[in-house]
Amino acid sequence: METPVKTRIRPPKPQNARELAVLCAAAALDKKGEDLVVLEVDQLTGYADYFILVSGRSTRQASSVGENIVRVLKKAGRPALGIEGLKEGRWILLDFGEVVVHVFHQPVRKFYDLDSLWGDAPRLEPQAAELAAALPLPGKPATQ
């Protein structure tokens, strides 16, 4: 018995930094990214509004998470401004302007501990419906 393939349709273009952060988070979770944290850093830094921290259990999974975020955002009309570490998969840095995504192999995340470094930043916790709307499936229209 074959498993049905879930093909995603083009996600809507993010209209603001929050929507961009939610789309990045949804793309990370789509590839089973773990320990997702979305930090609101606009009051703490002048170069981004949100930091996203997410982990993979292996370097291959971390690379897959990073590749999916890049692919989804490009389809949504927001290509990355900078990409570092994607092939190695230990610490991947994706710069989307107002949102910076850090994808880690879990031991590397623990070593650098950005969660504690940015511990003063408020956390954005997108709801399941908001994440699902960011990456719609065929037959389920995207909500605006």
Protein backbone atom coordinates (compact mmCIF):
# COMPACT_ATOMS: atom_id res chain seq x y z
CA MET A 1 0.00 0.00 0.00
CA GLU A 2 1.49 3.31 -1.09
CA THR A 3 1.67 6.28 1.21
CA PRO A 4 0.07 9.36 -0.36
CA VAL A 5 2.54 12.12 -1.13
CA LYS A 6 1.71 15.51 0.38
CA THR A 7 2.56 18.11 -2.24
CA ARG A 8 2.57 21.67 -0.99
CA ILE A 9 1.33 24.61 -3.00
CA ARG A 10 3.20 27.91 -3.22
CA PRO A 11 3.06 29.63 0.16
CA PRO A 12 1.77 33.19 0.32
CA LYS A 13 4.41 35.94 0.30
CA PRO A 14 5.04 37.17 3.86
CA GLN A 15 3.81 40.75 4.30
CA ASN A 16 5.77 41.56 7.47
CA ALA A 17 8.57 40.25 9.69
CA ARG A 18 6.20 38.21 11.88
CA GLU A 19 4.71 36.38 8.89
CA LEU A 20 8.23 35.76 7.60
CA ALA A 21 9.26 34.27 10.97
CA VAL A 22 6.15 32.07 11.07
CA LEU A 23 6.83 30.81 7.53
CA CYS A 24 10.44 29.98 8.45
CA ALA A 25 9.22 28.15 11.56
CA ALA A 26 6.63 26.19 9.57
CA ALA A 27 9.24 25.19 6.98
CA ALA A 28 11.59 24.01 9.75
CA LEU A 29 8.88 21.94 11.42
CA ASP A 30 7.88 20.51 8.03
CA LYS A 31 11.24 18.65 8.00
CA LYS A 32 10.91 17.59 11.63
CA GLY A 33 13.10 20.32 13.10
CA GLU A 34 13.26 20.03 16.88
CA ASP A 35 13.30 22.42 19.83
CA LEU A 36 12.04 25.34 17.75
CA VAL A 37 12.37 28.75 19.41
CA VAL A 38 11.32 32.05 17.81
CA LEU A 39 12.85 35.04 19.58
CA GLU A 40 11.68 38.64 19.15
CA VAL A 41 14.99 40.53 19.11
CA ASP A 42 13.91 43.82 17.55
CA GLN A 43 14.38 45.66 20.88
CA LEU A 44 17.76 43.99 21.52
CA THR A 45 19.52 44.28 18.17
CA GLY A 46 19.49 46.59 15.19
CA TYR A 47 19.92 44.01 12.45
CA ALA A 48 16.95 41.64 12.85
CA ASP A 49 13.44 41.50 14.24
CA TYR A 50 13.38 37.73 14.88
CA PHE A 51 15.90 34.96 15.51
CA ILE A 52 14.81 31.40 14.97
CA LEU A 53 16.69 28.57 16.65
CA VAL A 54 15.97 25.00 15.60
CA SER A 55 17.84 21.70 15.80
CA GLY A 56 18.31 18.49 13.86
CA ARG A 57 19.26 15.12 15.31
CA SER A 58 22.04 14.74 12.74
CA THR A 59 24.03 16.98 10.43
CA ARG A 60 22.05 15.54 7.50
CA GLN A 61 18.73 16.39 9.12
CA ALA A 62 19.95 19.89 10.01
CA SER A 63 20.96 20.40 6.36
CA SER A 64 17.56 19.11 5.23
CA VAL A 65 15.79 21.55 7.56
CA GLY A 66 17.93 24.42 6.25
CA GLU A 67 17.41 23.44 2.61
CA ASN A 68 13.65 23.29 3.12
CA ILE A 69 13.54 26.74 4.71
CA VAL A 70 15.53 28.18 1.78
CA ARG A 71 13.29 26.39 -0.76
CA VAL A 72 10.00 27.43 0.85
CA LEU A 73 11.03 31.07 1.28
CA LYS A 74 12.26 31.25 -2.31
CA LYS A 75 8.89 29.91 -3.50
CA ALA A 76 7.21 32.57 -1.36
CA GLY A 77 9.23 35.29 -3.08
CA ARG A 78 11.70 35.86 -0.22
CA PRO A 79 15.06 34.36 -1.22
CA ALA A 80 17.79 34.25 1.40
CA LEU A 81 20.18 37.20 1.51
CA GLY A 82 22.92 34.97 2.93
CA ILE A 83 23.47 31.25 3.56
CA GLU A 84 26.32 29.75 5.58
CA GLY A 85 27.07 26.18 6.68
CA LEU A 86 24.35 24.44 4.67
CA LYS A 87 26.60 21.66 3.33
CA GLU A 88 28.30 20.90 6.66
CA GLY A 89 25.05 20.84 8.65
CA ARG A 90 26.57 21.68 12.03
CA TRP A 91 25.48 25.33 12.34
CA ILE A 92 23.50 26.74 9.43
CA LEU A 93 22.88 30.47 9.28
CA LEU A 94 20.11 31.74 6.99
CA ASP A 95 19.70 35.50 6.65
CA PHE A 96 16.33 36.75 5.40
CA GLY A 97 16.87 40.36 6.47
CA GLU A 98 14.48 40.93 9.34
CA VAL A 99 14.59 37.22 10.25
CA VAL A 100 17.78 35.26 10.92
CA VAL A 101 17.50 31.47 11.21
CA HIS A 102 20.03 29.29 13.06
CA VAL A 103 19.72 25.57 12.32
CA PHE A 104 21.97 23.46 14.53
CA HIS A 105 23.05 19.87 14.88
CA GLN A 106 21.88 19.31 18.47
CA PRO A 107 25.35 18.98 20.14
CA VAL A 108 26.52 22.20 18.44
CA ARG A 109 23.44 24.06 19.69
CA LYS A 110 24.13 22.87 23.21
CA PHE A 111 27.79 23.97 22.98
CA TYR A 112 27.11 27.51 21.72
CA ASP A 113 23.95 27.94 23.83
CA LEU A 114 22.38 30.85 21.93
CA ASP A 115 19.17 30.09 23.84
CA SER A 116 20.82 31.43 27.01
CA LEU A 117 22.69 34.23 25.25
CA TRP A 118 19.38 35.63 23.95
CA GLY A 119 17.42 34.56 27.06
CA ASP A 120 16.12 38.10 27.64
CA ALA A 121 14.32 38.15 24.30
CA PRO A 122 10.56 37.57 24.34
CA ARG A 123 9.42 34.41 22.59
CA LEU A 124 6.91 34.23 19.78
CA GLU A 125 4.87 31.06 19.97
CA PRO A 126 2.94 30.58 16.72
CA GLN A 127 -0.26 28.57 17.03
CA ALA A 128 -0.69 25.31 15.10
CA ALA A 129 -3.33 26.88 12.82
CA GLU A 130 -0.99 29.77 11.99
CA LEU A 131 1.83 27.36 11.10
CA ALA A 132 -0.51 25.22 8.97
CA ALA A 133 -1.78 28.29 7.11
CA ALA A 134 1.80 29.35 6.34
CA LEU A 135 2.45 26.10 4.40
CA PRO A 136 -0.85 25.13 2.80
CA LEU A 137 -1.55 21.74 1.22
CA PRO A 138 -3.45 21.37 -2.07
CA GLY A 139 -7.19 21.51 -1.53
CA LYS A 140 -6.74 23.64 1.59
CA PRO A 141 -6.57 27.29 0.61
CA ALA A 142 -4.09 29.56 2.36
CA THR A 143 -5.72 31.93 4.79
CA GLN A 144 -4.67 35.55 4.74
